[in-house]
């Protein structure tokens, strides 16, 4: 009799353990597996339950109202005071002052869906340190059309550092899209990728200094006038792909005091260089791998105009030029060499 009781107790214990194991497999194990594959955000989500992007706070949580044509500057400032990065949902957001970020990110919901419309006199966004600005559009509400350097700048590089990125941003109705100041170290290992520039009154890109700046998949459209130089490159720059599309300009690219400029793919599509030169090389060293001209107007690919008194003299090489239009000369200067011209 005692043996039967003992066996009964053992069986009950085994049944309980079996049931516990089944419950653990159903409810606990999946959560453990999910947790092991989940990246824990380095910044705790702040604000309300609407803040669904890990490490980001939504400007709408702090009072920003899209599409109401009212100033949202204070909402941006309050969001930045949380020390988290900023997420901007769909809509147009008006800001009257410069948004200053340092070691933070600004993310929209798409370059055609989230728009920052600035009324600041100098910069829409001033960025310093490690920053990522992505998936939004930037424009100005009160452009005169006669802007000069430093006026109505969409993104001002105030000392961007390694890993910084401007990605999937649409610049429109601006003085300058991206400006890297000459009196600072300039962007360090910063990438500008998958961006578009249209309706600029001064420049699309103005990099006066910097180290290892990379331009990748950049599209330059029309400026406000035909007397502009859309892109100025200085310092150490690598261009992996830039396309000028229906652009009328004096020169398309200016290489100014560039220590090393490598341009791997440059496309001029229906581009009219009113100076008859597509690239102005001023006291710079460069190498172009492939240049493609499609229904574009100009006499020389490169015009050399060394700055007086400069210790750096222009010089460079072009690997290949492809032109399906009229004949194109390589350069007005013998210091520029070209391996092949295809037609």
Protein backbone atom coordinates (compact mmCIF):
# COMPACT_ATOMS: atom_id res chain seq x y z
CA UNK A 1 0.00 0.00 0.00
CA UNK A 2 2.80 2.38 0.88
CA UNK A 3 4.52 1.59 -2.43
CA UNK A 4 1.34 2.48 -4.33
CA UNK A 5 1.10 5.84 -2.51
CA UNK A 6 4.74 6.62 -3.23
CA UNK A 7 4.31 5.78 -6.91
CA UNK A 8 1.16 7.91 -7.05
CA UNK A 9 2.97 10.90 -5.53
CA UNK A 10 5.89 10.45 -7.96
CA UNK A 11 3.47 10.33 -10.90
CA UNK A 12 1.72 13.50 -9.71
CA UNK A 13 5.06 15.30 -9.40
CA UNK A 14 6.06 14.16 -12.90
CA UNK A 15 2.75 15.40 -14.31
CA UNK A 16 3.17 18.79 -12.61
CA UNK A 17 6.73 19.11 -13.96
CA UNK A 18 5.55 18.18 -17.44
CA UNK A 19 2.77 20.76 -17.34
CA UNK A 20 5.28 23.38 -16.09
CA UNK A 21 7.64 22.56 -18.94
CA UNK A 22 4.87 22.94 -21.50
CA UNK A 23 3.82 26.31 -20.04
CA UNK A 24 7.43 27.51 -20.11
CA UNK A 25 7.82 26.49 -23.75
CA UNK A 26 4.62 28.31 -24.74
CA UNK A 27 5.00 31.56 -22.80
CA UNK A 28 8.57 32.03 -21.63
CA UNK A 29 10.87 30.59 -24.29
CA UNK A 30 9.56 32.71 -27.23
CA UNK A 31 10.09 35.88 -25.18
CA UNK A 32 13.63 34.83 -24.32
CA UNK A 33 14.38 34.09 -27.96
CA UNK A 34 12.85 37.40 -29.08
CA UNK A 35 14.77 39.32 -26.44
CA UNK A 36 18.05 37.73 -27.48
CA UNK A 37 17.59 39.07 -31.04
CA UNK A 38 16.40 42.53 -30.04
CA UNK A 39 18.74 45.49 -29.89
CA UNK A 40 18.24 47.47 -26.72
CA UNK A 41 18.17 51.20 -27.53
CA UNK A 42 21.06 53.16 -26.10
CA UNK A 43 18.68 56.03 -25.31
CA UNK A 44 15.48 55.44 -23.37
CA UNK A 45 12.40 56.49 -25.30
CA UNK A 46 11.11 59.69 -23.74
CA UNK A 47 7.84 61.58 -23.98
CA UNK A 48 4.57 59.71 -24.43
CA UNK A 49 3.56 56.36 -25.85
CA UNK A 50 3.40 58.05 -29.29
CA UNK A 51 7.21 58.01 -29.37
CA UNK A 52 7.57 54.75 -31.23
CA UNK A 53 11.08 55.29 -32.62
CA UNK A 54 13.66 53.97 -30.16
CA UNK A 55 15.95 56.71 -28.91
CA UNK A 56 13.84 59.47 -30.49
CA UNK A 57 11.24 61.90 -29.24
CA UNK A 58 8.53 63.28 -31.49
CA UNK A 59 8.33 67.04 -31.88
CA UNK A 60 4.54 66.73 -31.93
CA UNK A 61 4.70 65.50 -28.32
CA UNK A 62 6.19 68.87 -27.37
CA UNK A 63 3.71 71.06 -29.16
CA UNK A 64 4.64 71.05 -32.84
CA UNK A 65 1.59 71.03 -35.11
CA UNK A 66 2.18 70.23 -38.77
CA UNK A 67 0.58 72.20 -41.62
CA UNK A 68 -0.77 75.00 -39.43
CA UNK A 69 1.64 77.71 -40.74
CA UNK A 70 2.64 78.59 -37.18
CA UNK A 71 6.12 78.70 -35.63
CA UNK A 72 7.21 75.35 -34.14
CA UNK A 73 10.64 76.53 -32.92
CA UNK A 74 9.81 76.14 -29.22
CA UNK A 75 8.62 72.57 -29.74
CA UNK A 76 11.94 71.69 -31.39
CA UNK A 77 13.85 73.34 -28.53
CA UNK A 78 11.87 71.44 -25.89
CA UNK A 79 12.40 68.15 -27.70
CA UNK A 80 16.14 68.80 -27.90
CA UNK A 81 16.29 69.52 -24.16
CA UNK A 82 15.44 65.87 -23.50
CA UNK A 83 18.92 64.96 -24.82
CA UNK A 84 17.31 62.49 -27.19
CA UNK A 85 17.24 62.62 -30.98
CA UNK A 86 14.22 64.02 -32.84
CA UNK A 87 11.64 62.25 -34.97
CA UNK A 88 9.41 64.44 -37.15
CA UNK A 89 6.17 62.87 -38.46
CA UNK A 90 4.49 63.74 -41.77
CA UNK A 91 3.72 67.36 -42.51
CA UNK A 92 5.21 70.83 -42.92
CA UNK A 93 6.84 72.37 -39.83
CA UNK A 94 7.65 76.09 -39.71
CA UNK A 95 10.67 77.25 -37.71
CA UNK A 96 11.73 80.88 -37.31
CA UNK A 97 15.11 80.20 -35.70
CA UNK A 98 18.07 77.91 -36.31
CA UNK A 99 17.71 74.37 -34.97
CA UNK A 100 21.05 73.60 -33.28
CA UNK A 101 22.00 69.95 -32.78
CA UNK A 102 25.13 68.34 -31.35
CA UNK A 103 25.66 64.58 -31.25
CA UNK A 104 21.98 64.06 -32.10
CA UNK A 105 19.95 62.86 -35.05
CA UNK A 106 16.99 64.34 -36.88
CA UNK A 107 14.77 61.89 -38.74
CA UNK A 108 11.65 62.50 -40.78
CA UNK A 109 9.20 60.06 -42.36
CA UNK A 110 10.43 60.69 -45.91
CA UNK A 111 11.96 63.48 -47.99
CA UNK A 112 8.61 64.21 -49.62
CA UNK A 113 6.51 63.74 -46.49
CA UNK A 114 8.31 65.64 -43.72
CA UNK A 115 9.25 69.24 -44.56
CA UNK A 116 11.14 71.74 -42.40
CA UNK A 117 10.29 75.22 -43.66
CA UNK A 118 12.66 77.78 -42.19
CA UNK A 119 12.44 81.55 -41.90
CA UNK A 120 15.90 81.91 -40.28
CA UNK A 121 18.24 84.42 -41.90
CA UNK A 122 21.30 82.17 -41.79
CA UNK A 123 20.89 78.42 -41.08
CA UNK A 124 17.89 76.12 -40.88
CA UNK A 125 19.94 73.44 -39.09
CA UNK A 126 23.38 73.84 -37.51
CA UNK A 127 25.01 70.48 -36.78
CA UNK A 128 28.06 69.61 -34.71
CA UNK A 129 29.65 66.36 -33.58
CA UNK A 130 28.23 63.00 -34.64
CA UNK A 131 24.88 63.67 -36.31
CA UNK A 132 22.57 61.99 -38.81
CA UNK A 133 19.99 64.08 -40.68
CA UNK A 134 17.72 61.93 -42.84
CA UNK A 135 14.38 61.33 -44.53
CA UNK A 136 13.10 64.89 -44.76
CA UNK A 137 12.92 67.98 -46.93
CA UNK A 138 14.31 71.43 -46.10
CA UNK A 139 13.23 74.72 -47.66
CA UNK A 140 13.00 78.43 -46.84
CA UNK A 141 9.82 80.46 -46.75
CA UNK A 142 11.33 83.87 -47.50
CA UNK A 143 14.06 83.52 -50.12
CA UNK A 144 15.10 86.70 -51.92
CA UNK A 145 16.90 84.94 -54.75
CA UNK A 146 20.06 87.00 -54.20
CA UNK A 147 21.60 85.07 -51.32
CA UNK A 148 25.36 84.99 -50.75
CA UNK A 149 27.58 82.63 -48.76
CA UNK A 150 26.16 81.87 -45.31
CA UNK A 151 22.67 83.12 -46.12
CA UNK A 152 19.65 80.81 -46.09
CA UNK A 153 21.72 77.67 -45.57
CA UNK A 154 19.73 74.45 -45.11
CA UNK A 155 22.44 72.51 -43.20
CA UNK A 156 25.50 74.21 -41.75
CA UNK A 157 28.44 71.99 -40.87
CA UNK A 158 29.57 73.43 -37.55
CA UNK A 159 32.17 70.69 -37.02
CA UNK A 160 30.67 67.34 -38.02
CA UNK A 161 32.71 64.33 -36.97
CA UNK A 162 33.32 60.73 -37.98
CA UNK A 163 30.16 58.85 -38.92
CA UNK A 164 27.96 61.86 -39.55
CA UNK A 165 25.56 61.60 -42.46
CA UNK A 166 23.06 63.61 -44.48
CA UNK A 167 20.88 61.01 -46.18
CA UNK A 168 17.68 61.03 -48.24
CA UNK A 169 17.17 64.78 -47.88
CA UNK A 170 15.46 66.97 -50.49
CA UNK A 171 16.74 70.55 -50.60
CA UNK A 172 14.47 73.03 -52.35
CA UNK A 173 14.09 76.82 -52.42
CA UNK A 174 17.33 77.44 -50.52
CA UNK A 175 20.32 79.76 -50.62
CA UNK A 176 22.82 76.93 -50.04
CA UNK A 177 22.02 73.31 -49.32
CA UNK A 178 25.09 72.12 -47.40
CA UNK A 179 27.79 74.53 -46.22
CA UNK A 180 31.07 73.53 -44.59
CA UNK A 181 32.70 76.62 -43.12
CA UNK A 182 36.21 77.63 -44.14
CA UNK A 183 37.16 78.93 -40.69
CA UNK A 184 36.59 75.55 -39.03
CA UNK A 185 38.08 72.10 -39.57
CA UNK A 186 35.16 71.19 -41.80
CA UNK A 187 33.36 67.90 -42.03
CA UNK A 188 35.41 64.87 -40.94
CA UNK A 189 34.45 61.52 -42.48
CA UNK A 190 30.96 62.80 -43.27
CA UNK A 191 28.75 61.28 -45.98
CA UNK A 192 26.15 63.12 -48.06
CA UNK A 193 24.04 60.44 -49.74
CA UNK A 194 20.88 60.16 -51.86
CA UNK A 195 20.10 63.87 -51.76
CA UNK A 196 18.57 66.27 -54.30
CA UNK A 197 19.00 70.02 -54.76
CA UNK A 198 16.58 72.30 -56.64
CA UNK A 199 15.84 76.03 -56.76
CA UNK A 200 19.01 77.16 -55.01
CA UNK A 201 19.98 80.82 -55.27
CA UNK A 202 23.69 80.48 -54.37
CA UNK A 203 24.99 76.90 -54.21
CA UNK A 204 23.79 73.35 -53.76
CA UNK A 205 26.97 72.19 -51.96
CA UNK A 206 29.72 74.45 -50.63
CA UNK A 207 32.52 72.48 -48.95
CA UNK A 208 35.36 74.89 -48.30
CA UNK A 209 37.37 72.52 -46.14
CA UNK A 210 37.09 69.04 -44.71
CA UNK A 211 38.68 65.63 -44.47
CA UNK A 212 37.32 62.53 -46.18
CA UNK A 213 33.93 63.98 -47.12
CA UNK A 214 31.99 61.59 -49.37
CA UNK A 215 29.26 62.57 -51.84
CA UNK A 216 27.22 59.60 -53.04
CA UNK A 217 24.17 59.53 -55.34
CA UNK A 218 23.72 63.30 -55.44
CA UNK A 219 21.38 64.98 -57.95
CA UNK A 220 21.72 68.67 -58.81
CA UNK A 221 18.80 70.39 -60.52
CA UNK A 222 18.16 73.96 -61.62
CA UNK A 223 19.25 77.02 -59.69
CA UNK A 224 17.56 80.40 -59.53
CA UNK A 225 19.83 81.91 -62.22
CA UNK A 226 22.24 80.74 -64.94
CA UNK A 227 25.25 82.51 -63.33
CA UNK A 228 25.78 80.05 -60.50
CA UNK A 229 28.39 77.44 -59.59
CA UNK A 230 26.25 74.76 -57.91
CA UNK A 231 29.05 72.71 -56.31
CA UNK A 232 32.28 73.92 -54.68
CA UNK A 233 34.66 71.29 -53.31
CA UNK A 234 37.73 71.89 -51.13
CA UNK A 235 39.78 69.84 -48.71
CA UNK A 236 39.78 66.07 -49.25
CA UNK A 237 36.61 64.92 -51.04
CA UNK A 238 35.42 61.76 -52.77
CA UNK A 239 32.50 61.93 -55.20
CA UNK A 240 31.10 58.49 -55.93
CA UNK A 241 28.21 59.69 -58.08
CA UNK A 242 26.83 63.13 -58.91
CA UNK A 243 24.32 63.95 -61.65
CA UNK A 244 23.54 67.40 -63.01
CA UNK A 245 20.07 67.22 -64.49
CA UNK A 246 18.62 70.06 -66.64
CA UNK A 247 21.10 72.42 -64.98
CA UNK A 248 22.03 75.82 -66.41
CA UNK A 249 25.08 77.31 -64.71
CA UNK A 250 28.34 79.18 -65.26
CA UNK A 251 30.37 76.16 -64.11
CA UNK A 252 28.85 73.00 -62.66
CA UNK A 253 31.72 72.17 -60.28
CA UNK A 254 34.44 74.31 -58.75
CA UNK A 255 37.50 72.56 -57.32
CA UNK A 256 38.91 75.25 -55.09
CA UNK A 257 42.05 74.64 -53.02
CA UNK A 258 41.22 70.96 -53.00
CA UNK A 259 44.05 68.87 -51.56
CA UNK A 260 42.64 65.72 -53.12
CA UNK A 261 39.39 65.38 -55.04
CA UNK A 262 38.43 62.01 -56.50
CA UNK A 263 35.36 62.05 -58.75
CA UNK A 264 34.42 58.51 -59.75
CA UNK A 265 31.26 59.23 -61.72
CA UNK A 266 30.01 62.60 -62.96
CA UNK A 267 27.02 62.86 -65.28
CA UNK A 268 25.97 66.04 -67.10
CA UNK A 269 22.47 65.44 -68.43
CA UNK A 270 21.06 68.30 -70.52
CA UNK A 271 23.45 70.66 -68.73
CA UNK A 272 24.35 74.05 -70.19
CA UNK A 273 27.66 75.54 -68.98
CA UNK A 274 27.34 79.23 -69.91
CA UNK A 275 31.11 79.74 -69.45
CA UNK A 276 31.68 76.92 -71.97
CA UNK A 277 33.47 74.99 -69.16
CA UNK A 278 31.87 72.37 -66.93
CA UNK A 279 34.54 72.28 -64.20
CA UNK A 280 36.60 75.18 -62.83
CA UNK A 281 39.87 73.99 -61.29
CA UNK A 282 41.43 76.60 -59.04
CA UNK A 283 44.58 75.58 -57.13
CA UNK A 284 43.45 71.99 -56.79
CA UNK A 285 44.58 68.40 -57.31
CA UNK A 286 42.06 65.90 -58.65
CA UNK A 287 41.32 62.68 -60.52
CA UNK A 288 38.18 61.98 -62.53
CA UNK A 289 37.38 58.39 -63.42
CA UNK A 290 34.33 58.65 -65.70
CA UNK A 291 32.54 61.72 -67.05
CA UNK A 292 29.38 61.35 -69.12
CA UNK A 293 27.84 64.19 -71.14
CA UNK A 294 24.31 63.70 -72.47
CA UNK A 295 22.87 66.47 -74.65
CA UNK A 296 24.98 68.99 -72.76
CA UNK A 297 26.52 72.25 -73.99
CA UNK A 298 30.13 73.31 -73.34
CA UNK A 299 33.55 73.56 -75.00
CA UNK A 300 35.93 72.28 -72.30
CA UNK A 301 35.42 69.75 -69.56
CA UNK A 302 37.90 71.54 -67.31
CA UNK A 303 39.10 75.13 -67.14
CA UNK A 304 42.26 75.77 -65.09
CA UNK A 305 42.48 79.15 -63.39
CA UNK A 306 45.15 78.99 -60.68
CA UNK A 307 44.77 81.50 -57.91
CA UNK A 308 47.51 84.10 -57.87
CA UNK A 309 50.08 83.57 -55.13
CA UNK A 310 48.83 80.10 -54.26
CA UNK A 311 51.44 77.47 -53.40
CA UNK A 312 49.19 74.76 -54.86
CA UNK A 313 49.00 74.51 -58.63
CA UNK A 314 46.17 72.74 -60.40
CA UNK A 315 46.78 69.34 -61.86
CA UNK A 316 44.85 66.18 -62.50
CA UNK A 317 43.78 63.39 -64.77
CA UNK A 318 40.63 62.14 -66.44
CA UNK A 319 40.29 58.45 -67.16
CA UNK A 320 37.40 58.54 -69.63
CA UNK A 321 34.99 61.05 -71.15
CA UNK A 322 31.88 59.87 -72.92
CA UNK A 323 29.89 62.38 -74.98
CA UNK A 324 26.94 61.68 -77.24
CA UNK A 325 26.75 65.29 -78.36
CA UNK A 326 29.23 67.70 -79.93
CA UNK A 327 32.98 67.42 -79.54
CA UNK A 328 34.37 68.26 -76.11
CA UNK A 329 37.91 69.32 -75.24
CA UNK A 330 39.54 67.97 -72.10
CA UNK A 331 41.04 71.21 -70.79
CA UNK A 332 42.54 74.57 -71.62
CA UNK A 333 45.69 73.58 -69.71
CA UNK A 334 48.40 71.01 -70.44
CA UNK A 335 48.59 69.93 -66.78
CA UNK A 336 45.35 68.00 -67.26
CA UNK A 337 45.62 64.61 -68.94
CA UNK A 338 42.94 62.33 -70.38
CA UNK A 339 43.20 58.64 -71.31
CA UNK A 340 40.16 58.29 -73.58
CA UNK A 341 37.29 60.22 -75.17
CA UNK A 342 34.40 58.09 -76.42
CA UNK A 343 31.58 59.23 -78.69
